[in-house]
Amino acid sequence: MPTALIVEDEPAANKLLSMLVQLRGYQSESAYTGGEALAKVGQRRPDVVFLDLMLPDTNGYEVCTRLKADRQTSLIPIVMVTARLAEENRIKGFQVGADEYIPKPYTPDQIFQALVTTAARRRDLQQQDGTGAIRLGARGVVEQARELSRLRSVLLSKTPLDEEAAARIVAALKALWTEADAWGKANQKDPVATVRYQLHPDHVALTVCDEAGWFGGGQLPPVEGIGPFGLAGPFDEARPAETGRAVVLMKRYPAGSSPSAP
């Protein structure tokens, strides 16, 4: 039976959410502080975490950050459930790794749908063959944060790269996405590019495919964190792809390391 960890300091709210997940065949565990939540995850990894932002000892952002930064727990789906509805809160939630964001007051259907969505997401990541794609274009800051956070989880859980290396790659891609979005709006093009990633035994390769004539002279435009061919910021190599309008960005794993098991 799958397990849902409910991290909510209000006893009545914790009980209600526990009852809802039980209706969908989940066993529930409860935590009332961030410290208790981290301790329970360390003892037994749940299949999903429902996380309130306002906790007596810390906040949900910090709990989510710590869980997503650990390669042993980075693939656990986290659903933030909070009364903080401002867009900046949603953006920050996805930036630190949240998979879903549900506003309070919520309906039972929102909780049930989150269980369906996160179960599918976890299954897809566990079965993933080491490849994926991210479309760069006008998808909004929230969706950008969500997509890049998922890529970071993949890098941490399925490669030997540490948190700093994964964060630098994600930061460079964020800058690239922002540049692509601005160019697309100015030229009325969408999507602008697609980043296809593939995990190899000794490196990760990200191929940036130009979909709209963005590259111009055949190489990436100047972007903070990614230089021209020969200088690749957080990457070890940046070169034109053998076919098509595309650039390959490569990051080698540390010497003597091996990929993590999916």
Protein backbone atom coordinates (compact mmCIF):
# COMPACT_ATOMS: atom_id res chain seq x y z
CA MET A 1 0.00 0.00 0.00
CA PRO A 2 1.43 3.42 -0.95
CA THR A 3 2.14 5.89 1.83
CA ALA A 4 1.42 9.62 2.01
CA LEU A 5 3.20 11.77 4.58
CA ILE A 6 1.02 14.68 5.75
CA VAL A 7 3.10 17.58 7.05
CA GLU A 8 0.63 19.97 8.68
CA ASP A 9 0.82 21.49 12.16
CA GLU A 10 -2.93 21.99 12.60
CA PRO A 11 -4.26 18.67 14.00
CA ALA A 12 -7.72 19.00 12.42
CA ALA A 13 -6.28 19.89 9.00
CA ASN A 14 -3.77 17.05 9.26
CA LYS A 15 -6.56 14.59 10.11
CA LEU A 16 -8.76 15.78 7.22
CA LEU A 17 -5.98 15.43 4.65
CA SER A 18 -5.09 12.01 6.07
CA MET A 19 -8.70 10.87 5.66
CA LEU A 20 -8.78 12.07 2.04
CA VAL A 21 -5.65 10.18 0.98
CA GLN A 22 -6.92 7.07 2.76
CA LEU A 23 -10.04 7.22 0.59
CA ARG A 24 -7.74 6.69 -2.39
CA GLY A 25 -5.97 3.67 -0.94
CA TYR A 26 -3.02 5.39 0.71
CA GLN A 27 -1.71 4.72 4.17
CA SER A 28 -1.15 8.05 5.93
CA GLU A 29 1.64 9.18 8.21
CA SER A 30 1.48 12.50 10.03
CA ALA A 31 4.15 15.04 10.93
CA TYR A 32 3.49 18.33 12.69
CA THR A 33 6.88 20.04 12.28
CA GLY A 34 9.52 20.20 9.57
CA GLY A 35 12.01 18.35 11.75
CA GLU A 36 9.57 15.53 12.38
CA ALA A 37 8.84 15.31 8.65
CA LEU A 38 12.53 14.99 7.73
CA ALA A 39 13.04 12.37 10.44
CA LYS A 40 10.10 10.29 9.21
CA VAL A 41 11.29 10.45 5.60
CA GLY A 42 14.71 9.27 6.78
CA GLN A 43 13.14 6.29 8.52
CA ARG A 44 10.75 5.32 5.72
CA ARG A 45 10.47 7.05 2.38
CA PRO A 46 6.83 7.84 1.52
CA ASP A 47 5.36 7.73 -1.97
CA VAL A 48 4.17 11.34 -1.73
CA VAL A 49 4.46 14.24 0.71
CA PHE A 50 1.71 16.81 1.31
CA LEU A 51 3.54 19.80 2.76
CA ASP A 52 2.19 22.93 4.45
CA LEU A 53 4.30 26.08 4.10
CA MET A 54 3.77 27.43 7.61
CA LEU A 55 5.32 25.13 10.21
CA PRO A 56 6.26 25.93 13.81
CA ASP A 57 9.98 25.19 13.48
CA THR A 58 10.72 26.05 9.83
CA ASN A 59 8.87 26.54 6.55
CA GLY A 60 7.82 24.21 3.78
CA TYR A 61 10.32 25.73 1.36
CA GLU A 62 13.22 24.61 3.55
CA VAL A 63 11.80 21.10 4.01
CA CYS A 64 11.23 20.76 0.26
CA THR A 65 14.73 22.08 -0.51
CA ARG A 66 16.35 19.52 1.77
CA LEU A 67 14.35 16.59 0.41
CA LYS A 68 14.97 17.53 -3.22
CA ALA A 69 18.70 18.13 -2.65
CA ASP A 70 19.24 14.56 -1.38
CA ARG A 71 19.59 12.05 -4.22
CA GLN A 72 17.92 9.42 -2.01
CA THR A 73 14.73 11.47 -1.67
CA SER A 74 14.79 13.79 -4.69
CA LEU A 75 12.23 11.74 -6.64
CA ILE A 76 9.60 11.76 -3.87
CA PRO A 77 6.72 13.93 -5.19
CA ILE A 78 5.97 16.92 -2.97
CA VAL A 79 2.58 18.64 -3.00
CA MET A 80 2.55 22.02 -1.31
CA VAL A 81 -0.79 22.79 0.35
CA THR A 82 -0.97 26.38 1.52
CA ALA A 83 -3.06 29.52 1.94
CA ARG A 84 -0.26 31.56 0.37
CA LEU A 85 -1.72 32.12 -3.06
CA ALA A 86 0.51 34.86 -4.55
CA GLU A 87 2.28 33.90 -7.76
CA GLU A 88 5.70 34.51 -6.18
CA ASN A 89 4.89 31.81 -3.61
CA ARG A 90 3.99 29.33 -6.34
CA ILE A 91 7.15 30.21 -8.27
CA LYS A 92 9.32 29.77 -5.19
CA GLY A 93 7.59 26.48 -4.41
CA PHE A 94 8.39 25.05 -7.82
CA GLN A 95 11.91 26.48 -7.74
CA VAL A 96 12.72 24.52 -4.58
CA GLY A 97 11.28 21.36 -6.11
CA ALA A 98 7.52 21.11 -5.43
CA ASP A 99 5.69 18.93 -7.93
CA GLU A 100 2.21 20.35 -7.31
CA TYR A 101 0.80 23.39 -5.51
CA ILE A 102 -2.71 23.29 -4.02
CA PRO A 103 -4.30 26.42 -2.49
CA LYS A 104 -6.27 26.40 0.74
CA PRO A 105 -9.18 25.96 1.05
CA TYR A 106 -9.04 22.99 -1.28
CA THR A 107 -11.62 20.52 -2.52
CA PRO A 108 -11.31 16.72 -2.16
CA ASP A 109 -11.05 16.46 -5.95
CA GLN A 110 -7.91 18.61 -5.92
CA ILE A 111 -6.27 16.23 -3.47
CA PHE A 112 -7.39 13.17 -5.43
CA GLN A 113 -6.07 14.65 -8.69
CA ALA A 114 -2.73 15.45 -7.03
CA LEU A 115 -2.43 11.80 -6.00
CA VAL A 116 -3.06 10.66 -9.57
CA THR A 117 -0.64 13.21 -11.06
CA THR A 118 2.20 12.61 -8.61
CA ALA A 119 1.89 8.82 -8.85
CA ALA A 120 2.20 9.04 -12.63
CA ARG A 121 5.10 11.48 -12.35
CA ARG A 122 7.01 9.27 -9.91
CA ARG A 123 6.42 6.21 -12.07
CA ASP A 124 7.63 8.00 -15.20
CA LEU A 125 10.82 9.20 -13.50
CA GLN A 126 11.61 5.77 -12.07
CA GLN A 127 11.12 4.12 -15.47
CA GLN A 128 12.79 6.87 -17.47
CA ASP A 129 15.53 5.63 -19.81
CA GLY A 130 17.72 8.67 -19.25
CA THR A 131 16.25 10.87 -21.96
CA GLY A 132 13.83 13.77 -21.96
CA ALA A 133 13.03 17.12 -23.52
CA ILE A 134 12.13 20.65 -22.43
CA ARG A 135 10.48 23.08 -24.84
CA LEU A 136 11.76 26.65 -24.56
CA GLY A 137 9.23 29.36 -25.26
CA ALA A 138 6.37 31.37 -23.80
CA ARG A 139 5.22 29.01 -21.06
CA GLY A 140 5.34 31.37 -18.10
CA VAL A 141 7.65 31.68 -15.10
CA VAL A 142 5.74 29.08 -13.05
CA GLU A 143 6.02 26.40 -15.72
CA GLN A 144 9.68 27.28 -16.26
CA ALA A 145 10.39 26.78 -12.55
CA ARG A 146 8.50 23.47 -12.53
CA GLU A 147 10.27 22.01 -15.60
CA LEU A 148 13.77 23.02 -14.50
CA SER A 149 13.18 21.68 -11.01
CA ARG A 150 12.20 18.32 -12.47
CA LEU A 151 15.39 18.25 -14.52
CA ARG A 152 17.41 18.94 -11.38
CA SER A 153 15.73 15.96 -9.69
CA VAL A 154 16.64 13.75 -12.64
CA LEU A 155 20.27 14.87 -12.53
CA LEU A 156 20.55 14.31 -8.79
CA SER A 157 18.82 10.94 -8.73
CA LYS A 158 20.23 9.37 -11.88
CA THR A 159 23.78 10.78 -12.21
CA PRO A 160 26.79 11.19 -9.88
CA LEU A 161 26.59 14.99 -10.20
CA ASP A 162 26.34 16.76 -6.85
CA GLU A 163 23.79 19.40 -5.90
CA GLU A 164 26.06 22.31 -6.88
CA ALA A 165 26.77 20.92 -10.36
CA ALA A 166 23.09 20.18 -10.99
CA ALA A 167 22.11 23.65 -9.76
CA ARG A 168 24.62 25.33 -12.09
CA ILE A 169 23.29 23.42 -15.09
CA VAL A 170 19.73 24.37 -14.21
CA ALA A 171 20.71 28.03 -13.69
CA ALA A 172 22.38 28.11 -17.13
CA LEU A 173 19.30 26.58 -18.76
CA LYS A 174 17.08 29.09 -16.97
CA ALA A 175 19.13 31.92 -18.49
CA LEU A 176 18.93 30.22 -21.88
CA TRP A 177 15.14 29.80 -21.57
CA THR A 178 14.70 33.45 -20.55
CA GLU A 179 16.73 34.56 -23.57
CA ALA A 180 14.74 32.28 -25.88
CA ASP A 181 11.45 33.58 -24.49
CA ALA A 182 12.48 37.21 -25.04
CA TRP A 183 13.61 36.49 -28.62
CA GLY A 184 10.42 34.58 -29.33
CA LYS A 185 8.20 37.41 -28.13
CA ALA A 186 10.17 39.97 -30.17
CA ASN A 187 9.95 37.83 -33.29
CA GLN A 188 6.52 36.29 -32.69
CA LYS A 189 7.89 32.75 -32.61
CA ASP A 190 6.88 29.94 -30.28
CA PRO A 191 8.36 27.50 -29.49
CA VAL A 192 11.85 28.88 -29.98
CA ALA A 193 13.96 25.83 -29.13
CA THR A 194 13.89 22.39 -27.57
CA VAL A 195 16.49 21.07 -25.13
CA ARG A 196 16.84 17.30 -25.36
CA TYR A 197 18.84 15.68 -22.59
CA GLN A 198 20.41 12.23 -22.51
CA LEU A 199 22.26 10.54 -19.67
CA HIS A 200 25.35 8.55 -20.68
CA PRO A 201 27.67 6.32 -18.61
CA ASP A 202 30.24 9.10 -18.21
CA HIS A 203 28.41 12.34 -19.03
CA VAL A 204 25.12 14.10 -19.60
CA ALA A 205 24.48 15.72 -22.97
CA LEU A 206 21.94 18.48 -23.58
CA THR A 207 21.21 19.24 -27.22
CA VAL A 208 19.67 22.66 -27.82
CA CYS A 209 17.68 22.43 -31.07
CA ASP A 210 16.77 25.69 -32.81
CA GLU A 211 13.10 25.56 -33.85
CA ALA A 212 12.63 29.12 -35.12
CA GLY A 213 15.86 30.59 -36.53
CA TRP A 214 17.06 31.83 -33.14
CA PHE A 215 20.71 30.83 -33.53
CA GLY A 216 21.38 33.04 -36.52
CA GLY A 217 25.03 32.30 -37.27
CA GLY A 218 24.70 28.69 -36.19
CA GLN A 219 25.63 28.98 -32.55
CA LEU A 220 24.00 29.90 -29.27
CA PRO A 221 23.46 33.62 -28.70
CA PRO A 222 25.36 35.14 -25.75
CA VAL A 223 23.68 33.90 -22.58
CA GLU A 224 24.79 34.36 -19.00
CA GLY A 225 26.24 31.09 -17.73
CA ILE A 226 26.82 29.59 -21.18
CA GLY A 227 29.60 30.83 -23.42
CA PRO A 228 30.33 30.26 -27.11
CA PHE A 229 31.89 27.07 -28.46
CA GLY A 230 34.95 26.25 -26.43
CA LEU A 231 33.57 27.94 -23.29
CA ALA A 232 30.53 26.29 -21.81
CA GLY A 233 29.99 27.76 -18.33
CA PRO A 234 28.91 24.83 -16.11
CA PHE A 235 29.49 22.45 -19.04
CA ASP A 236 32.77 20.87 -20.10
CA GLU A 237 32.11 21.22 -23.81
CA ALA A 238 29.87 23.18 -26.18
CA ARG A 239 29.91 22.26 -29.85
CA PRO A 240 27.63 22.31 -32.89
CA ALA A 241 25.64 19.13 -33.44
CA GLU A 242 26.51 16.98 -36.43
CA THR A 243 23.12 17.59 -38.05
CA GLY A 244 20.56 20.37 -37.98
CA ARG A 245 20.58 23.71 -36.23
CA ALA A 246 21.60 22.48 -32.81
CA VAL A 247 24.27 22.86 -30.14
CA VAL A 248 25.43 20.07 -27.81
CA LEU A 249 26.30 20.99 -24.22
CA MET A 250 28.13 18.24 -22.34
CA LYS A 251 28.89 17.78 -18.65
CA ARG A 252 31.23 14.95 -17.64
CA TYR A 253 30.78 13.11 -14.37
CA PRO A 254 33.50 13.38 -11.72
CA ALA A 255 36.45 11.04 -12.25
CA GLY A 256 35.93 7.63 -10.68
CA SER A 257 32.20 8.02 -10.30
CA SER A 258 29.42 6.02 -11.88
CA PRO A 259 25.78 6.84 -12.65
CA SER A 260 23.22 6.31 -9.93
CA ALA A 261 20.72 3.55 -10.32
CA PRO A 262 17.38 4.79 -11.71
